[in-house]
Every structure is written in structure tokens, then in C-alpha cells.
Amino acid sequence: MNIVYVLAHPDDAEIWCGGTILTQIEKGDNVKVVYLYSTKDRKREALLLSKHKVKVEFIKPIEKILRRVIKDFNPNIIITHWFKDCHHEHKDCFDKVYKILPELLVFDKLKFSFFVCDTYNSIGFDNSKFIPNTYIDISKFNKNKKELIRNHTSQPCDYFIDMVEKQNKNWGIENDCKLAESYLQLPVQGNFYEYKL
């Protein structure tokens, strides 16, 4: 499968989806991460993810460019930030992706499933709780996920690792495993397509 993550910042892939990405790579999926906001140092840190057979691309947060990049990749699954994410650039990322979904579906004739990922302490900007409908067991990849997060030396890695590990433990309990990452599948033009994480 072709799976594209459209995320705001380098380290978002590793924090919210790192175990899932490693699981997909092990299965042989074709994984791409597209970042909308970055700096020179953060780009350098993000490129370390490419050592794990992940394609990494940095683009300007312009919908026309984003649509072209997604269309050219022809994904089965698109993953971005939650629409209630408390970080304004995460929410903006969701808005840009969501806005182009009808064009990708109707005019570009792509068929894909659409998911959003967890956020800081699983709480949205309006104090609502992130309620997922999809869980990925990442127990096998916890050590590797931490190493990926630690590549982002410009960021407070220990803070993010402590926070997200608690969340992964909580989602693991709900999924009958040690650690899990969680996602919410959303309809695309009223449809849920068959592609599963």
C-alpha cells in the first residue's frame, strides 16, 4: 500500500505515528511523510527518518502544491493531524488536507482512506478527548520510536517521549497490548474506503 502522512513539523511523524510507520515499513508498505512547516535544522533532523525507507518531502503550505504531491504519490491511505488539535499549525495542516480531499477524490479519481492521529495528551483545543476508532500495536517498536524522536535534538525530546509513552500505554490497554498508537478514520465525501491501517 501507499501511505502518506501530511504533518506540520519534523518530529510529528515520530511522536504521533512513529511506531505505525515502522510497522508499515516492516510490512513492505510504501510510506511518505510530507511536512508543511520547517526550518533548516529541523529538516536535517527529519531526513534521518529516510534511513528507514521512508520518503520525506518538505513543501510550502499551499493547497495546490499539496494536492499535486498527494496525487503523484497515489495513496491508499492519507493521515494528518486531528481537526481539534490544540497546536494551531497542526489544525491548519488538517484544514489544508481536508480542503483538497474532494478534489483528490472527484477530479483526480483517487480512492483512499482518511485518518487523523492523536495529539498532546489526547486533548483538543476545546478540551474534548480524542476518541479513536483504530489502534496499531507498536509494542515491538517502542525502543526504535524513542530513538527516532531523539534524532530531533532541537526539540525537548524527553518531554515528548514521556508524554507520548503514557498515551501509547493507555491506548495499549484499550487494544489488549502493551503499547498502541491511535487514529480516527473519517469519511471522505460520506464514504469510508476499505483501506485499513
Protein backbone atom coordinates (compact mmCIF):
# COMPACT_ATOMS: atom_id res chain seq x y z
CA MET A 1 0.00 0.00 0.00
CA ASN A 2 0.96 3.63 -0.48
CA ILE A 3 0.58 5.58 2.76
CA VAL A 4 1.14 9.34 3.01
CA TYR A 5 1.41 11.32 6.23
CA VAL A 6 0.84 15.06 5.86
CA LEU A 7 2.10 16.64 9.06
CA ALA A 8 3.03 20.08 10.26
CA HIS A 9 6.55 19.70 11.69
CA PRO A 10 9.53 17.39 11.61
CA ASP A 11 9.14 15.16 14.71
CA ASP A 12 5.34 14.97 14.38
CA ALA A 13 5.68 11.74 12.39
CA GLU A 14 7.87 10.14 15.03
CA ILE A 15 5.88 11.38 18.06
CA TRP A 16 2.35 10.57 16.88
CA CYS A 17 2.94 7.85 14.28
CA GLY A 18 6.48 6.52 14.67
CA GLY A 19 5.54 3.00 15.69
CA THR A 20 2.90 2.79 12.98
CA ILE A 21 5.37 3.93 10.32
CA LEU A 22 7.91 1.31 11.43
CA THR A 23 5.16 -1.35 11.37
CA GLN A 24 4.17 -0.34 7.84
CA ILE A 25 7.76 -0.35 6.61
CA GLU A 26 8.25 -3.85 8.04
CA LYS A 27 5.13 -4.99 6.13
CA GLY A 28 6.58 -3.60 2.89
CA ASP A 29 4.28 -0.59 2.54
CA ASN A 30 5.46 2.46 0.60
CA VAL A 31 5.48 5.31 3.16
CA LYS A 32 5.91 9.03 2.53
CA VAL A 33 5.90 11.90 5.02
CA VAL A 34 5.14 15.42 3.79
CA TYR A 35 5.92 18.34 6.11
CA LEU A 36 4.33 21.77 5.72
CA TYR A 37 6.34 23.81 8.26
CA SER A 38 10.04 23.52 8.90
CA THR A 39 13.42 25.17 9.39
CA LYS A 40 16.84 24.19 8.07
CA ASP A 41 17.85 22.42 11.31
CA ARG A 42 14.55 20.61 11.61
CA LYS A 43 14.73 19.46 8.00
CA ARG A 44 18.14 17.93 8.70
CA GLU A 45 16.70 16.08 11.71
CA ALA A 46 13.67 14.87 9.74
CA LEU A 47 15.77 13.43 6.94
CA LEU A 48 17.10 10.82 9.39
CA LEU A 49 13.70 9.12 9.00
CA SER A 50 14.64 8.35 5.39
CA LYS A 51 17.19 5.82 6.71
CA HIS A 52 14.16 3.65 7.47
CA LYS A 53 12.99 3.59 3.81
CA VAL A 54 10.56 6.46 4.39
CA LYS A 55 10.28 9.11 1.70
CA VAL A 56 10.45 12.60 3.24
CA GLU A 57 9.37 15.78 1.46
CA PHE A 58 9.11 19.41 2.55
CA ILE A 59 6.66 21.69 0.79
CA LYS A 60 5.15 25.12 1.29
CA PRO A 61 1.73 25.00 3.00
CA ILE A 62 -0.12 25.77 -0.24
CA GLU A 63 -3.10 23.59 -1.17
CA LYS A 64 -2.28 23.47 -4.90
CA ILE A 65 1.21 22.10 -4.18
CA LEU A 66 -0.13 19.67 -1.56
CA ARG A 67 -2.74 18.33 -3.97
CA ARG A 68 -0.10 17.70 -6.66
CA VAL A 69 2.23 15.93 -4.21
CA ILE A 70 -0.55 13.67 -2.91
CA LYS A 71 -1.92 12.97 -6.40
CA ASP A 72 1.53 11.98 -7.69
CA PHE A 73 2.00 9.55 -4.78
CA ASN A 74 -1.47 7.99 -5.37
CA PRO A 75 -2.03 6.94 -1.73
CA ASN A 76 -4.33 4.25 -0.41
CA ILE A 77 -4.24 5.99 2.98
CA ILE A 78 -3.83 9.65 3.97
CA ILE A 79 -3.03 10.53 7.59
CA THR A 80 -2.86 14.01 9.10
CA HIS A 81 -3.44 15.84 12.38
CA TRP A 82 -6.74 15.83 14.27
CA PHE A 83 -9.15 18.64 13.41
CA LYS A 84 -9.33 19.66 17.09
CA ASP A 85 -5.56 19.61 17.66
CA CYS A 86 -4.51 22.31 20.13
CA HIS A 87 -1.45 23.34 18.08
CA HIS A 88 -2.55 25.95 15.54
CA GLU A 89 -0.21 24.70 12.81
CA HIS A 90 -1.42 21.13 13.33
CA LYS A 91 -5.01 22.31 12.92
CA ASP A 92 -4.03 24.36 9.88
CA CYS A 93 -2.43 21.24 8.40
CA PHE A 94 -5.69 19.32 8.86
CA ASP A 95 -7.67 22.15 7.27
CA LYS A 96 -5.41 22.21 4.19
CA VAL A 97 -5.59 18.43 3.73
CA TYR A 98 -9.34 18.26 4.33
CA LYS A 99 -10.00 21.06 1.85
CA ILE A 100 -8.37 19.17 -1.03
CA LEU A 101 -9.89 15.73 -0.32
CA PRO A 102 -12.93 16.27 -2.59
CA GLU A 103 -10.65 17.35 -5.46
CA LEU A 104 -8.44 14.30 -4.99
CA LEU A 105 -11.50 12.03 -4.93
CA VAL A 106 -13.70 13.56 -7.64
CA PHE A 107 -11.34 15.23 -10.12
CA ASP A 108 -8.17 13.19 -9.60
CA LYS A 109 -10.17 9.95 -9.17
CA LEU A 110 -8.13 8.70 -6.23
CA LYS A 111 -9.62 6.22 -3.77
CA PHE A 112 -8.20 6.37 -0.26
CA SER A 113 -9.00 6.04 3.41
CA PHE A 114 -8.51 9.12 5.58
CA PHE A 115 -7.25 9.08 9.18
CA VAL A 116 -6.25 11.65 11.79
CA CYS A 117 -3.70 10.99 14.53
CA ASP A 118 -3.57 11.61 18.26
CA THR A 119 -2.45 14.89 19.84
CA TYR A 120 -0.93 16.32 23.03
CA ASN A 121 -2.30 14.30 25.96
CA SER A 122 -5.17 13.28 23.65
CA ILE A 123 -6.97 16.56 24.39
CA GLY A 124 -8.22 19.04 21.79
CA PHE A 125 -8.24 22.84 21.86
CA ASP A 126 -11.85 22.78 23.12
CA ASN A 127 -10.97 20.37 25.97
CA SER A 128 -12.56 17.44 24.13
CA LYS A 129 -10.94 14.00 24.25
CA PHE A 130 -9.51 12.34 21.17
CA ILE A 131 -11.68 9.25 20.60
CA PRO A 132 -10.03 6.87 18.13
CA ASN A 133 -11.57 4.00 16.19
CA THR A 134 -8.29 2.43 15.02
CA TYR A 135 -5.34 1.16 17.06
CA ILE A 136 -1.93 -0.05 15.94
CA ASP A 137 0.11 -2.28 18.26
CA ILE A 138 3.56 -0.67 18.42
CA SER A 139 4.95 -2.69 21.35
CA LYS A 140 7.66 -4.21 19.16
CA PHE A 141 8.89 -0.79 18.02
CA ASN A 142 8.87 1.28 21.22
CA LYS A 143 12.67 1.44 21.53
CA ASN A 144 13.03 2.38 17.84
CA LYS A 145 10.33 5.03 18.16
CA LYS A 146 12.17 6.66 21.06
CA GLU A 147 15.39 6.67 19.04
CA LEU A 148 13.60 8.37 16.14
CA ILE A 149 12.22 11.06 18.45
CA ARG A 150 15.69 11.61 19.93
CA ASN A 151 17.01 12.44 16.44
CA HIS A 152 15.22 15.79 16.82
CA THR A 153 17.88 17.33 19.03
CA SER A 154 16.47 20.86 18.59
CA GLN A 155 13.32 19.78 20.43
CA PRO A 156 12.56 18.77 24.07
CA CYS A 157 12.77 15.05 23.30
CA ASP A 158 12.40 13.74 26.87
CA TYR A 159 9.21 15.75 27.34
CA PHE A 160 7.64 14.32 24.19
CA ILE A 161 8.81 10.76 24.88
CA ASP A 162 7.35 10.80 28.42
CA MET A 163 4.05 12.27 27.24
CA VAL A 164 3.51 10.03 24.24
CA GLU A 165 4.60 6.85 26.03
CA LYS A 166 1.85 7.42 28.61
CA GLN A 167 -0.64 7.88 25.80
CA ASN A 168 0.64 4.77 24.00
CA LYS A 169 0.27 2.76 27.23
CA ASN A 170 -3.31 3.96 27.66
CA TRP A 171 -4.21 3.07 24.07
CA GLY A 172 -2.45 -0.26 24.52
CA ILE A 173 -4.76 -1.10 27.42
CA GLU A 174 -7.76 -0.41 25.17
CA ASN A 175 -6.22 -2.60 22.46
CA ASP A 176 -5.09 -5.50 24.69
CA CYS A 177 -1.41 -4.89 24.04
CA LYS A 178 1.49 -3.17 25.77
CA LEU A 179 1.63 -0.02 23.61
CA ALA A 180 -0.52 1.31 20.79
CA GLU A 181 -0.88 4.39 18.62
CA SER A 182 -4.39 5.55 17.88
CA TYR A 183 -6.19 7.05 14.91
CA LEU A 184 -9.64 8.21 13.95
CA GLN A 185 -10.87 7.25 10.50
CA LEU A 186 -13.05 9.93 8.93
CA PRO A 187 -15.33 9.64 5.90
CA VAL A 188 -14.31 11.09 2.55
CA GLN A 189 -17.34 12.64 0.84
CA GLY A 190 -19.54 10.44 3.02
CA ASN A 191 -17.65 7.21 2.29
CA PHE A 192 -15.31 5.02 4.29
CA TYR A 193 -12.99 3.28 1.87
CA GLU A 194 -11.72 -0.22 2.54
CA TYR A 195 -8.06 0.54 3.12
CA LYS A 196 -7.13 -0.15 6.74
CA LEU A 197 -4.08 0.80 8.74
